[in-house]
Amino acid sequence: MFRNRLLLSATLLAVLSIVLAAGYYGPMAAFVHAVKHEPVNADARQVRLAADDSALLQWIEQEAPAREAAAVDAVIDRIWKAIPGYAGRQVDVEATVAKAKAAGVKPGAADFPWVYKEVPPAVHLDDLPLAPIYRGNPAKPMVALMINVAWGNEYLPAMLKTLETEDVKATFFLDGSWLAKNKSVALDLAARGHELSNHAYSHPAMSKLSFENQLREIKRTEQLLDNLGVHNRWFAPPSGDYDERTVRAASRLGLRTVLWTLDTVDWKSPPPAAVTAKIAAKIGPGQLVLMHPTKTSRDALQGIIAAIRGKGLQLGTVSETLSEARIDQD
């Protein structure tokens, strides 16, 4: 029986060889070709892919350290008080390999698709002792425009048009007595994507008030913001006047006291060109720029935005600028 099977197998192989030698490439020949050759090609392809993956992985791991950045902890600074932390970044090696393979991009390509993981700082703003904030982290390439509004709407429409044209979102700190009379204007600010925050109720010198009255000033405006559906995080004391009690009163309502890094002093009506030149000369990462809806700021706003962007900085709200979230420019 066994001898018969061997004989049959030999006969079949002989017939197949004759068929192929005669040039007949029908279904049978195709089947034999696939059986004989495909496993070899598949194995070779797997070897090549494995080699390519290995080379890609090795290159990514070699380049990764130069593209990574350590997180920066939040600190209390002698001059700037509370400074938020800033997240670092690490290369996500596996995700980068997968993305590069999917895109067919080779190592060293100018458009190589790096994928990063954010690394949070060890010390956060909320870990610090209670203190006012004058600036964001100097490692963060973002600037915020703080626009304090306590009276007058004359120049707001033009400023809003410029912000919209330039695709910039600002943070408007609203005086409560103004807000009570201008609810529709405030709703329009929010609808445009701007951030609304607290500027007390009657623009007082906060440090001249008792703790209870400071609390009342902040709370009245916060209730108006709540009625608009605004979830606020910040309190800007009028004229920058505050004391330790002010910071505590704001904190009692869940707010952080925020001031400014760079002041346009637009209420003194300086020439718009002078304001733009001042910003261009002094602006830096993480800074908060103070202005009001004045004629000077109306006319200088476009130049201010251009000066900030000219330094390679992005513009965001106060919340965005003071957050730990990383901004990468590559």
C-alpha atoms as a PDB file:
ATOM      1  CA  MET A   1       0.000   0.000   0.000  1.00  0.00           C
ATOM      2  CA  PHE A   2       2.730   2.425   0.984  1.00  0.00           C
ATOM      3  CA  ARG A   3       4.648   1.574  -2.222  1.00  0.00           C
ATOM      4  CA  ASN A   4       1.520   2.291  -4.285  1.00  0.00           C
ATOM      5  CA  ARG A   5       1.126   5.757  -2.667  1.00  0.00           C
ATOM      6  CA  LEU A   6       4.724   6.650  -3.407  1.00  0.00           C
ATOM      7  CA  LEU A   7       4.276   5.525  -6.982  1.00  0.00           C
ATOM      8  CA  LEU A   8       1.115   7.634  -7.354  1.00  0.00           C
ATOM      9  CA  SER A   9       2.823  10.719  -5.906  1.00  0.00           C
ATOM     10  CA  ALA A  10       5.775  10.316  -8.239  1.00  0.00           C
ATOM     11  CA  THR A  11       3.439   9.927 -11.188  1.00  0.00           C
ATOM     12  CA  LEU A  12       1.503  13.099 -10.298  1.00  0.00           C
ATOM     13  CA  LEU A  13       4.685  15.129  -9.959  1.00  0.00           C
ATOM     14  CA  ALA A  14       5.903  13.833 -13.309  1.00  0.00           C
ATOM     15  CA  VAL A  15       2.616  14.808 -14.988  1.00  0.00           C
ATOM     16  CA  LEU A  16       2.711  18.279 -13.444  1.00  0.00           C
ATOM     17  CA  SER A  17       6.290  18.773 -14.622  1.00  0.00           C
ATOM     18  CA  ILE A  18       5.343  17.786 -18.156  1.00  0.00           C
ATOM     19  CA  VAL A  19       2.373  20.173 -18.101  1.00  0.00           C
ATOM     20  CA  LEU A  20       4.473  23.069 -16.956  1.00  0.00           C
ATOM     21  CA  ALA A  21       7.292  22.254 -19.380  1.00  0.00           C
ATOM     22  CA  ALA A  22       4.781  22.235 -22.226  1.00  0.00           C
ATOM     23  CA  GLY A  23       3.844  25.812 -21.396  1.00  0.00           C
ATOM     24  CA  TYR A  24       0.358  25.143 -20.086  1.00  0.00           C
ATOM     25  CA  TYR A  25      -0.362  27.744 -17.409  1.00  0.00           C
ATOM     26  CA  GLY A  26      -3.918  26.973 -16.584  1.00  0.00           C
ATOM     27  CA  PRO A  27      -5.450  26.716 -13.104  1.00  0.00           C
ATOM     28  CA  MET A  28      -3.355  23.732 -12.162  1.00  0.00           C
ATOM     29  CA  ALA A  29      -0.110  25.482 -13.030  1.00  0.00           C
ATOM     30  CA  ALA A  30      -1.171  28.605 -11.153  1.00  0.00           C
ATOM     31  CA  PHE A  31      -1.951  26.512  -8.096  1.00  0.00           C
ATOM     32  CA  VAL A  32       1.410  24.777  -8.222  1.00  0.00           C
ATOM     33  CA  HIS A  33       3.200  28.099  -8.688  1.00  0.00           C
ATOM     34  CA  ALA A  34       1.416  29.592  -5.691  1.00  0.00           C
ATOM     35  CA  VAL A  35       2.212  26.585  -3.515  1.00  0.00           C
ATOM     36  CA  LYS A  36       5.864  26.576  -4.528  1.00  0.00           C
ATOM     37  CA  HIS A  37       6.621  30.299  -4.428  1.00  0.00           C
ATOM     38  CA  GLU A  38       4.222  32.340  -2.261  1.00  0.00           C
ATOM     39  CA  PRO A  39       5.453  31.168   1.136  1.00  0.00           C
ATOM     40  CA  VAL A  40       8.981  32.118   0.152  1.00  0.00           C
ATOM     41  CA  ASN A  41       7.903  35.610  -0.989  1.00  0.00           C
ATOM     42  CA  ALA A  42       5.801  36.166   2.133  1.00  0.00           C
ATOM     43  CA  ASP A  43       8.673  35.173   4.375  1.00  0.00           C
ATOM     44  CA  ALA A  44      11.050  37.438   2.511  1.00  0.00           C
ATOM     45  CA  ARG A  45       8.581  40.314   2.730  1.00  0.00           C
ATOM     46  CA  GLN A  46       8.252  39.825   6.485  1.00  0.00           C
ATOM     47  CA  VAL A  47      12.022  39.873   6.832  1.00  0.00           C
ATOM     48  CA  ARG A  48      12.237  43.098   4.824  1.00  0.00           C
ATOM     49  CA  LEU A  49       9.452  44.732   6.855  1.00  0.00           C
ATOM     50  CA  ALA A  50      11.051  43.673  10.106  1.00  0.00           C
ATOM     51  CA  ALA A  51      14.350  45.163   8.956  1.00  0.00           C
ATOM     52  CA  ASP A  52      12.629  48.413   7.942  1.00  0.00           C
ATOM     53  CA  ASP A  53      10.814  48.592  11.289  1.00  0.00           C
ATOM     54  CA  SER A  54      14.025  47.991  13.155  1.00  0.00           C
ATOM     55  CA  ALA A  55      15.832  50.755  11.275  1.00  0.00           C
ATOM     56  CA  LEU A  56      12.898  53.161  11.773  1.00  0.00           C
ATOM     57  CA  LEU A  57      12.643  52.338  15.466  1.00  0.00           C
ATOM     58  CA  GLN A  58      16.373  52.749  15.971  1.00  0.00           C
ATOM     59  CA  TRP A  59      16.367  56.156  14.249  1.00  0.00           C
ATOM     60  CA  ILE A  60      13.394  57.401  16.292  1.00  0.00           C
ATOM     61  CA  GLU A  61      14.993  56.288  19.552  1.00  0.00           C
ATOM     62  CA  GLN A  62      18.226  58.062  18.593  1.00  0.00           C
ATOM     63  CA  GLU A  63      16.466  61.311  17.681  1.00  0.00           C
ATOM     64  CA  ALA A  64      13.926  61.322  20.531  1.00  0.00           C
ATOM     65  CA  PRO A  65      16.103  62.785  23.348  1.00  0.00           C
ATOM     66  CA  ALA A  66      16.823  65.943  21.340  1.00  0.00           C
ATOM     67  CA  ARG A  67      13.088  66.502  20.796  1.00  0.00           C
ATOM     68  CA  GLU A  68      12.007  66.024  24.401  1.00  0.00           C
ATOM     69  CA  ALA A  69      11.552  68.719  27.043  1.00  0.00           C
ATOM     70  CA  ALA A  70      11.365  68.502  30.816  1.00  0.00           C
ATOM     71  CA  ALA A  71       8.288  69.776  32.643  1.00  0.00           C
ATOM     72  CA  VAL A  72       8.625  73.040  34.598  1.00  0.00           C
ATOM     73  CA  ASP A  73       7.180  73.174  38.097  1.00  0.00           C
ATOM     74  CA  ALA A  74       4.944  75.962  39.371  1.00  0.00           C
ATOM     75  CA  VAL A  75       6.818  78.293  41.733  1.00  0.00           C
ATOM     76  CA  ILE A  76       6.440  81.310  43.972  1.00  0.00           C
ATOM     77  CA  ASP A  77       8.687  84.011  42.543  1.00  0.00           C
ATOM     78  CA  ARG A  78       9.965  86.920  44.604  1.00  0.00           C
ATOM     79  CA  ILE A  79       8.753  89.441  41.996  1.00  0.00           C
ATOM     80  CA  TRP A  80       6.076  87.692  39.947  1.00  0.00           C
ATOM     81  CA  LYS A  81       4.466  85.813  42.858  1.00  0.00           C
ATOM     82  CA  ALA A  82       2.685  82.611  41.706  1.00  0.00           C
ATOM     83  CA  ILE A  83       3.903  81.341  38.339  1.00  0.00           C
ATOM     84  CA  PRO A  84       2.090  78.325  36.844  1.00  0.00           C
ATOM     85  CA  GLY A  85       3.953  75.213  35.780  1.00  0.00           C
ATOM     86  CA  TYR A  86       4.396  74.087  32.200  1.00  0.00           C
ATOM     87  CA  ALA A  87       4.113  70.548  30.883  1.00  0.00           C
ATOM     88  CA  GLY A  88       7.060  68.814  29.264  1.00  0.00           C
ATOM     89  CA  ARG A  89       6.947  66.312  26.426  1.00  0.00           C
ATOM     90  CA  GLN A  90       8.252  62.871  25.517  1.00  0.00           C
ATOM     91  CA  VAL A  91       8.263  61.161  22.151  1.00  0.00           C
ATOM     92  CA  ASP A  92       5.620  58.448  21.964  1.00  0.00           C
ATOM     93  CA  VAL A  93       7.856  55.943  20.183  1.00  0.00           C
ATOM     94  CA  GLU A  94       5.245  53.317  19.332  1.00  0.00           C
ATOM     95  CA  ALA A  95       2.724  55.865  18.048  1.00  0.00           C
ATOM     96  CA  THR A  96       5.427  57.619  16.021  1.00  0.00           C
ATOM     97  CA  VAL A  97       6.505  54.349  14.378  1.00  0.00           C
ATOM     98  CA  ALA A  98       2.904  53.505  13.511  1.00  0.00           C
ATOM     99  CA  LYS A  99       2.186  56.984  12.113  1.00  0.00           C
ATOM    100  CA  ALA A 100       5.374  57.083  10.057  1.00  0.00           C
ATOM    101  CA  LYS A 101       4.659  53.640   8.582  1.00  0.00           C
ATOM    102  CA  ALA A 102       1.070  54.551   7.774  1.00  0.00           C
ATOM    103  CA  ALA A 103       2.199  57.734   6.023  1.00  0.00           C
ATOM    104  CA  GLY A 104       5.120  56.057   4.263  1.00  0.00           C
ATOM    105  CA  VAL A 105       7.508  58.689   5.611  1.00  0.00           C
ATOM    106  CA  LYS A 106      11.183  57.823   5.833  1.00  0.00           C
ATOM    107  CA  PRO A 107      13.537  58.688   8.728  1.00  0.00           C
ATOM    108  CA  GLY A 108      14.960  62.190   8.453  1.00  0.00           C
ATOM    109  CA  ALA A 109      12.130  63.540   6.300  1.00  0.00           C
ATOM    110  CA  ALA A 110      11.310  67.204   6.885  1.00  0.00           C
ATOM    111  CA  ASP A 111       7.684  66.334   7.529  1.00  0.00           C
ATOM    112  CA  PHE A 112       8.392  63.356   9.767  1.00  0.00           C
ATOM    113  CA  PRO A 113       5.226  62.790  11.867  1.00  0.00           C
ATOM    114  CA  TRP A 114       6.454  62.904  15.452  1.00  0.00           C
ATOM    115  CA  VAL A 115       3.913  61.991  18.131  1.00  0.00           C
ATOM    116  CA  TYR A 116       4.388  63.288  21.676  1.00  0.00           C
ATOM    117  CA  LYS A 117       3.096  62.540  25.148  1.00  0.00           C
ATOM    118  CA  GLU A 118       2.632  65.453  27.552  1.00  0.00           C
ATOM    119  CA  VAL A 119       4.504  65.188  30.863  1.00  0.00           C
ATOM    120  CA  PRO A 120       2.833  67.147  33.700  1.00  0.00           C
ATOM    121  CA  PRO A 121       4.932  69.101  36.190  1.00  0.00           C
ATOM    122  CA  ALA A 122       5.392  67.712  39.676  1.00  0.00           C
ATOM    123  CA  VAL A 123       4.228  70.979  41.298  1.00  0.00           C
ATOM    124  CA  HIS A 124       0.995  72.622  40.125  1.00  0.00           C
ATOM    125  CA  LEU A 125      -0.413  76.106  40.653  1.00  0.00           C
ATOM    126  CA  ASP A 126      -2.912  74.756  43.155  1.00  0.00           C
ATOM    127  CA  ASP A 127      -0.057  73.244  45.185  1.00  0.00           C
ATOM    128  CA  LEU A 128       1.424  76.689  45.873  1.00  0.00           C
ATOM    129  CA  PRO A 129       0.608  78.946  48.808  1.00  0.00           C
ATOM    130  CA  LEU A 130      -2.159  81.415  47.954  1.00  0.00           C
ATOM    131  CA  ALA A 131      -0.675  84.309  45.953  1.00  0.00           C
ATOM    132  CA  PRO A 132      -1.628  86.609  43.066  1.00  0.00           C
ATOM    133  CA  ILE A 133      -0.556  85.817  39.502  1.00  0.00           C
ATOM    134  CA  TYR A 134       1.151  88.337  37.228  1.00  0.00           C
ATOM    135  CA  ARG A 135       2.232  86.100  34.385  1.00  0.00           C
ATOM    136  CA  GLY A 136       2.177  82.658  32.842  1.00  0.00           C
ATOM    137  CA  ASN A 137       5.184  80.380  32.649  1.00  0.00           C
ATOM    138  CA  PRO A 138       8.046  82.013  30.708  1.00  0.00           C
ATOM    139  CA  ALA A 139       8.619  78.733  28.860  1.00  0.00           C
ATOM    140  CA  LYS A 140       5.147  78.889  27.283  1.00  0.00           C
ATOM    141  CA  PRO A 141       5.076  80.737  23.926  1.00  0.00           C
ATOM    142  CA  MET A 142       1.679  82.326  24.498  1.00  0.00           C
ATOM    143  CA  VAL A 143       0.409  85.793  25.437  1.00  0.00           C
ATOM    144  CA  ALA A 144      -3.031  86.881  26.678  1.00  0.00           C
ATOM    145  CA  LEU A 145      -4.824  90.186  26.182  1.00  0.00           C
ATOM    146  CA  MET A 146      -6.610  91.345  29.362  1.00  0.00           C
ATOM    147  CA  ILE A 147      -9.285  93.905  28.550  1.00  0.00           C
ATOM    148  CA  ASN A 148     -10.758  95.547  31.638  1.00  0.00           C
ATOM    149  CA  VAL A 149     -14.228  97.009  31.027  1.00  0.00           C
ATOM    150  CA  ALA A 150     -15.780  99.357  33.599  1.00  0.00           C
ATOM    151  CA  TRP A 151     -17.400 102.118  31.550  1.00  0.00           C
ATOM    152  CA  GLY A 152     -18.102 103.075  27.963  1.00  0.00           C
ATOM    153  CA  ASN A 153     -18.875 100.949  24.926  1.00  0.00           C
ATOM    154  CA  GLU A 154     -17.843 103.415  22.242  1.00  0.00           C
ATOM    155  CA  TYR A 155     -14.699 101.601  21.132  1.00  0.00           C
ATOM    156  CA  LEU A 156     -15.719  98.013  21.822  1.00  0.00           C
ATOM    157  CA  PRO A 157     -17.282  97.241  18.396  1.00  0.00           C
ATOM    158  CA  ALA A 158     -14.141  98.218  16.503  1.00  0.00           C
ATOM    159  CA  MET A 159     -11.913  96.256  18.890  1.00  0.00           C
ATOM    160  CA  LEU A 160     -14.153  93.201  18.539  1.00  0.00           C
ATOM    161  CA  LYS A 161     -13.973  93.473  14.766  1.00  0.00           C
ATOM    162  CA  THR A 162     -10.168  93.527  14.892  1.00  0.00           C
ATOM    163  CA  LEU A 163     -10.075  90.537  17.247  1.00  0.00           C
ATOM    164  CA  GLU A 164     -12.396  88.644  14.921  1.00  0.00           C
ATOM    165  CA  THR A 165     -10.398  89.554  11.813  1.00  0.00           C
ATOM    166  CA  GLU A 166      -7.178  88.435  13.507  1.00  0.00           C
ATOM    167  CA  ASP A 167      -8.815  85.314  14.993  1.00  0.00           C
ATOM    168  CA  VAL A 168      -7.813  86.255  18.534  1.00  0.00           C
ATOM    169  CA  LYS A 169      -9.720  85.428  21.718  1.00  0.00           C
ATOM    170  CA  ALA A 170      -9.209  87.818  24.638  1.00  0.00           C
ATOM    171  CA  THR A 171     -10.253  87.817  28.286  1.00  0.00           C
ATOM    172  CA  PHE A 172     -12.639  90.615  29.282  1.00  0.00           C
ATOM    173  CA  PHE A 173     -12.683  91.491  32.976  1.00  0.00           C
ATOM    174  CA  LEU A 174     -16.082  93.051  33.567  1.00  0.00           C
ATOM    175  CA  ASP A 175     -17.031  95.567  36.237  1.00  0.00           C
ATOM    176  CA  GLY A 176     -20.304  94.436  37.814  1.00  0.00           C
ATOM    177  CA  SER A 177     -22.055  97.785  37.575  1.00  0.00           C
ATOM    178  CA  TRP A 178     -21.245  97.877  33.850  1.00  0.00           C
ATOM    179  CA  LEU A 179     -22.305  94.258  33.417  1.00  0.00           C
ATOM    180  CA  ALA A 180     -25.666  94.886  35.108  1.00  0.00           C
ATOM    181  CA  LYS A 181     -26.447  97.492  32.405  1.00  0.00           C
ATOM    182  CA  ASN A 182     -24.858  95.677  29.462  1.00  0.00           C
ATOM    183  CA  LYS A 183     -25.956  92.077  29.655  1.00  0.00           C
ATOM    184  CA  SER A 184     -26.543  91.845  25.892  1.00  0.00           C
ATOM    185  CA  VAL A 185     -23.043  93.162  25.167  1.00  0.00           C
ATOM    186  CA  ALA A 186     -21.546  90.626  27.566  1.00  0.00           C
ATOM    187  CA  LEU A 187     -23.519  87.817  25.936  1.00  0.00           C
ATOM    188  CA  ASP A 188     -22.183  88.932  22.564  1.00  0.00           C
ATOM    189  CA  LEU A 189     -18.613  88.803  23.915  1.00  0.00           C
ATOM    190  CA  ALA A 190     -19.196  85.258  25.110  1.00  0.00           C
ATOM    191  CA  ALA A 191     -20.859  84.241  21.825  1.00  0.00           C
ATOM    192  CA  ARG A 192     -17.734  85.405  19.977  1.00  0.00           C
ATOM    193  CA  GLY A 193     -15.639  82.998  22.048  1.00  0.00           C
ATOM    194  CA  HIS A 194     -14.038  85.509  24.390  1.00  0.00           C
ATOM    195  CA  GLU A 195     -13.478  84.733  28.062  1.00  0.00           C
ATOM    196  CA  LEU A 196     -15.459  86.718  30.664  1.00  0.00           C
ATOM    197  CA  SER A 197     -14.059  87.271  34.151  1.00  0.00           C
ATOM    198  CA  ASN A 198     -14.552  89.306  37.331  1.00  0.00           C
ATOM    199  CA  HIS A 199     -13.438  92.930  37.871  1.00  0.00           C
ATOM    200  CA  ALA A 200     -15.365  93.626  41.125  1.00  0.00           C
ATOM    201  CA  TYR A 201     -18.679  95.490  41.136  1.00  0.00           C
ATOM    202  CA  SER A 202     -18.073  99.219  41.580  1.00  0.00           C
ATOM    203  CA  HIS A 203     -14.380  99.610  40.652  1.00  0.00           C
ATOM    204  CA  PRO A 204     -13.230 100.283  44.227  1.00  0.00           C
ATOM    205  CA  ALA A 205      -9.750 100.416  45.716  1.00  0.00           C
ATOM    206  CA  MET A 206     -10.010  96.928  47.142  1.00  0.00           C
ATOM    207  CA  SER A 207      -7.342  97.361  49.830  1.00  0.00           C
ATOM    208  CA  LYS A 208      -9.346 100.233  51.360  1.00  0.00           C
ATOM    209  CA  LEU A 209     -12.320  97.939  52.016  1.00  0.00           C
ATOM    210  CA  SER A 210     -12.918  95.506  54.858  1.00  0.00           C
ATOM    211  CA  PHE A 211     -12.630  91.825  54.077  1.00  0.00           C
ATOM    212  CA  GLU A 212     -16.427  91.499  54.108  1.00  0.00           C
ATOM    213  CA  ASN A 213     -16.864  94.367  51.652  1.00  0.00           C
ATOM    214  CA  GLN A 214     -14.155  93.015  49.383  1.00  0.00           C
ATOM    215  CA  LEU A 215     -15.944  89.687  49.388  1.00  0.00           C
ATOM    216  CA  ARG A 216     -19.228  91.416  48.614  1.00  0.00           C
ATOM    217  CA  GLU A 217     -17.745  93.351  45.678  1.00  0.00           C
ATOM    218  CA  ILE A 218     -16.407  90.188  44.070  1.00  0.00           C
ATOM    219  CA  LYS A 219     -19.475  88.095  44.845  1.00  0.00           C
ATOM    220  CA  ARG A 220     -21.970  90.543  43.280  1.00  0.00           C
ATOM    221  CA  THR A 221     -20.173  90.442  39.956  1.00  0.00           C
ATOM    222  CA  GLU A 222     -19.642  86.694  40.172  1.00  0.00           C
ATOM    223  CA  GLN A 223     -23.391  86.205  40.560  1.00  0.00           C
ATOM    224  CA  LEU A 224     -23.992  88.260  37.412  1.00  0.00           C
ATOM    225  CA  LEU A 225     -21.493  86.098  35.526  1.00  0.00           C
ATOM    226  CA  ASP A 226     -23.181  82.981  36.869  1.00  0.00           C
ATOM    227  CA  ASN A 227     -26.505  84.287  35.567  1.00  0.00           C
ATOM    228  CA  LEU A 228     -24.940  84.479  32.100  1.00  0.00           C
ATOM    229  CA  GLY A 229     -23.870  80.854  32.347  1.00  0.00           C
ATOM    230  CA  VAL A 230     -20.199  81.808  32.659  1.00  0.00           C
ATOM    231  CA  HIS A 231     -17.881  79.497  34.588  1.00  0.00           C
ATOM    232  CA  ASN A 232     -15.240  81.948  35.770  1.00  0.00           C
ATOM    233  CA  ARG A 233     -11.835  81.305  37.356  1.00  0.00           C
ATOM    234  CA  TRP A 234     -10.220  84.758  37.654  1.00  0.00           C
ATOM    235  CA  PHE A 235     -10.525  88.034  39.549  1.00  0.00           C
ATOM    236  CA  ALA A 236      -8.669  91.163  38.433  1.00  0.00           C
ATOM    237  CA  PRO A 237      -8.650  93.887  41.126  1.00  0.00           C
ATOM    238  CA  PRO A 238      -9.534  97.359  39.782  1.00  0.00           C
ATOM    239  CA  SER A 239      -6.463  99.528  39.165  1.00  0.00           C
ATOM    240  CA  GLY A 240      -4.345  96.611  40.386  1.00  0.00           C
ATOM    241  CA  ASP A 241      -5.093  97.600  43.995  1.00  0.00           C
ATOM    242  CA  TYR A 242      -5.225  94.643  46.372  1.00  0.00           C
ATOM    243  CA  ASP A 243      -3.903  93.229  49.610  1.00  0.00           C
ATOM    244  CA  GLU A 244      -3.635  89.801  51.172  1.00  0.00           C
ATOM    245  CA  ARG A 245      -7.309  89.944  52.156  1.00  0.00           C
ATOM    246  CA  THR A 246      -8.292  90.514  48.520  1.00  0.00           C
ATOM    247  CA  VAL A 247      -6.530  87.338  47.490  1.00  0.00           C
ATOM    248  CA  ARG A 248      -8.265  85.419  50.265  1.00  0.00           C
ATOM    249  CA  ALA A 249     -11.681  86.898  49.423  1.00  0.00           C
ATOM    250  CA  ALA A 250     -11.332  85.873  45.767  1.00  0.00           C
ATOM    251  CA  SER A 251     -10.149  82.416  46.809  1.00  0.00           C
ATOM    252  CA  ARG A 252     -13.199  82.066  49.072  1.00  0.00           C
ATOM    253  CA  LEU A 253     -15.287  82.291  45.875  1.00  0.00           C
ATOM    254  CA  GLY A 254     -13.080  79.841  43.973  1.00  0.00           C
ATOM    255  CA  LEU A 255     -11.167  82.537  42.055  1.00  0.00           C
ATOM    256  CA  ARG A 256      -7.470  83.269  41.592  1.00  0.00           C
ATOM    257  CA  THR A 257      -6.338  86.901  41.729  1.00  0.00           C
ATOM    258  CA  VAL A 258      -4.657  87.885  38.473  1.00  0.00           C
ATOM    259  CA  LEU A 259      -2.900  91.105  37.477  1.00  0.00           C
ATOM    260  CA  TRP A 260      -0.765  91.938  34.438  1.00  0.00           C
ATOM    261  CA  THR A 261       2.796  91.669  33.193  1.00  0.00           C
ATOM    262  CA  LEU A 262       2.743  94.522  30.685  1.00  0.00           C
ATOM    263  CA  ASP A 263       0.471  97.594  30.811  1.00  0.00           C
ATOM    264  CA  THR A 264      -0.475  99.621  27.732  1.00  0.00           C
ATOM    265  CA  VAL A 265      -1.434 102.542  30.024  1.00  0.00           C
ATOM    266  CA  ASP A 266      -3.992 103.320  27.329  1.00  0.00           C
ATOM    267  CA  TRP A 267      -6.149 105.323  29.749  1.00  0.00           C
ATOM    268  CA  LYS A 268      -3.552 108.092  29.487  1.00  0.00           C
ATOM    269  CA  SER A 269      -4.202 108.239  25.719  1.00  0.00           C
ATOM    270  CA  PRO A 270      -0.640 107.678  24.462  1.00  0.00           C
ATOM    271  CA  PRO A 271      -0.171 107.571  20.670  1.00  0.00           C
ATOM    272  CA  PRO A 272      -1.146 104.142  19.297  1.00  0.00           C
ATOM    273  CA  ALA A 273       2.228 103.802  17.587  1.00  0.00           C
ATOM    274  CA  ALA A 274       3.978 104.284  20.930  1.00  0.00           C
ATOM    275  CA  VAL A 275       1.896 101.509  22.502  1.00  0.00           C
ATOM    276  CA  THR A 276       2.664  99.155  19.618  1.00  0.00           C
ATOM    277  CA  ALA A 277       6.381  99.951  19.886  1.00  0.00           C
ATOM    278  CA  LYS A 278       6.307  99.312  23.629  1.00  0.00           C
ATOM    279  CA  ILE A 279       4.706  95.900  23.162  1.00  0.00           C
ATOM    280  CA  ALA A 280       7.123  94.993  20.364  1.00  0.00           C
ATOM    281  CA  ALA A 281      10.091  95.883  22.577  1.00  0.00           C
ATOM    282  CA  LYS A 282       8.979  94.225  25.814  1.00  0.00           C
ATOM    283  CA  ILE A 283       6.632  91.349  25.051  1.00  0.00           C
ATOM    284  CA  GLY A 284       7.723  87.850  25.962  1.00  0.00           C
ATOM    285  CA  PRO A 285       6.393  84.316  26.527  1.00  0.00           C
ATOM    286  CA  GLY A 286       3.701  83.873  29.159  1.00  0.00           C
ATOM    287  CA  GLN A 287       2.925  87.561  29.554  1.00  0.00           C
ATOM    288  CA  LEU A 288      -0.454  89.168  30.243  1.00  0.00           C
ATOM    289  CA  VAL A 289      -1.076  92.476  28.452  1.00  0.00           C
ATOM    290  CA  LEU A 290      -3.493  94.946  30.067  1.00  0.00           C
ATOM    291  CA  MET A 291      -5.709  97.281  28.052  1.00  0.00           C
ATOM    292  CA  HIS A 292      -9.136  98.905  28.098  1.00  0.00           C
ATOM    293  CA  PRO A 293     -11.717  99.761  25.419  1.00  0.00           C
ATOM    294  CA  THR A 294     -10.129 103.140  24.639  1.00  0.00           C
ATOM    295  CA  LYS A 295      -9.412 105.020  21.447  1.00  0.00           C
ATOM    296  CA  THR A 296      -5.705 104.285  21.851  1.00  0.00           C
ATOM    297  CA  SER A 297      -6.214 100.525  22.180  1.00  0.00           C
ATOM    298  CA  ARG A 298      -8.747 100.513  19.370  1.00  0.00           C
ATOM    299  CA  ASP A 299      -6.188 102.035  17.026  1.00  0.00           C
ATOM    300  CA  ALA A 300      -3.208 100.091  18.378  1.00  0.00           C
ATOM    301  CA  LEU A 301      -4.819  96.650  18.665  1.00  0.00           C
ATOM    302  CA  GLN A 302      -3.933  95.332  15.227  1.00  0.00           C
ATOM    303  CA  GLY A 303      -0.333  96.489  15.641  1.00  0.00           C
ATOM    304  CA  ILE A 304      -0.163  94.912  19.106  1.00  0.00           C
ATOM    305  CA  ILE A 305      -1.310  91.576  17.727  1.00  0.00           C
ATOM    306  CA  ALA A 306       1.194  91.777  14.876  1.00  0.00           C
ATOM    307  CA  ALA A 307       4.009  92.630  17.306  1.00  0.00           C
ATOM    308  CA  ILE A 308       3.184  89.652  19.498  1.00  0.00           C
ATOM    309  CA  ARG A 309       3.033  87.267  16.561  1.00  0.00           C
ATOM    310  CA  GLY A 310       6.206  88.794  15.197  1.00  0.00           C
ATOM    311  CA  LYS A 311       7.985  87.399  18.257  1.00  0.00           C
ATOM    312  CA  GLY A 312       6.752  83.902  17.389  1.00  0.00           C
ATOM    313  CA  LEU A 313       4.172  83.929  20.179  1.00  0.00           C
ATOM    314  CA  GLN A 314       0.584  82.707  20.069  1.00  0.00           C
ATOM    315  CA  LEU A 315      -2.361  84.620  21.521  1.00  0.00           C
ATOM    316  CA  GLY A 316      -4.825  82.971  23.872  1.00  0.00           C
ATOM    317  CA  THR A 317      -7.139  83.729  26.754  1.00  0.00           C
ATOM    318  CA  VAL A 318      -5.886  84.191  30.302  1.00  0.00           C
ATOM    319  CA  SER A 319      -7.018  80.647  31.114  1.00  0.00           C
ATOM    320  CA  GLU A 320      -5.117  79.237  28.138  1.00  0.00           C
ATOM    321  CA  THR A 321      -1.982  81.244  28.873  1.00  0.00           C
ATOM    322  CA  LEU A 322      -1.922  80.326  32.564  1.00  0.00           C
ATOM    323  CA  SER A 323      -2.650  76.636  31.987  1.00  0.00           C
ATOM    324  CA  GLU A 324       0.051  73.972  32.134  1.00  0.00           C
ATOM    325  CA  ALA A 325      -0.950  72.663  28.706  1.00  0.00           C
ATOM    326  CA  ARG A 326       1.950  72.511  26.316  1.00  0.00           C
ATOM    327  CA  ILE A 327       2.123  74.397  23.033  1.00  0.00           C
ATOM    328  CA  ASP A 328       4.488  72.931  20.467  1.00  0.00           C
ATOM    329  CA  GLN A 329       5.523  74.823  17.368  1.00  0.00           C
ATOM    330  CA  ASP A 330       6.984  71.903  15.389  1.00  0.00           C
END
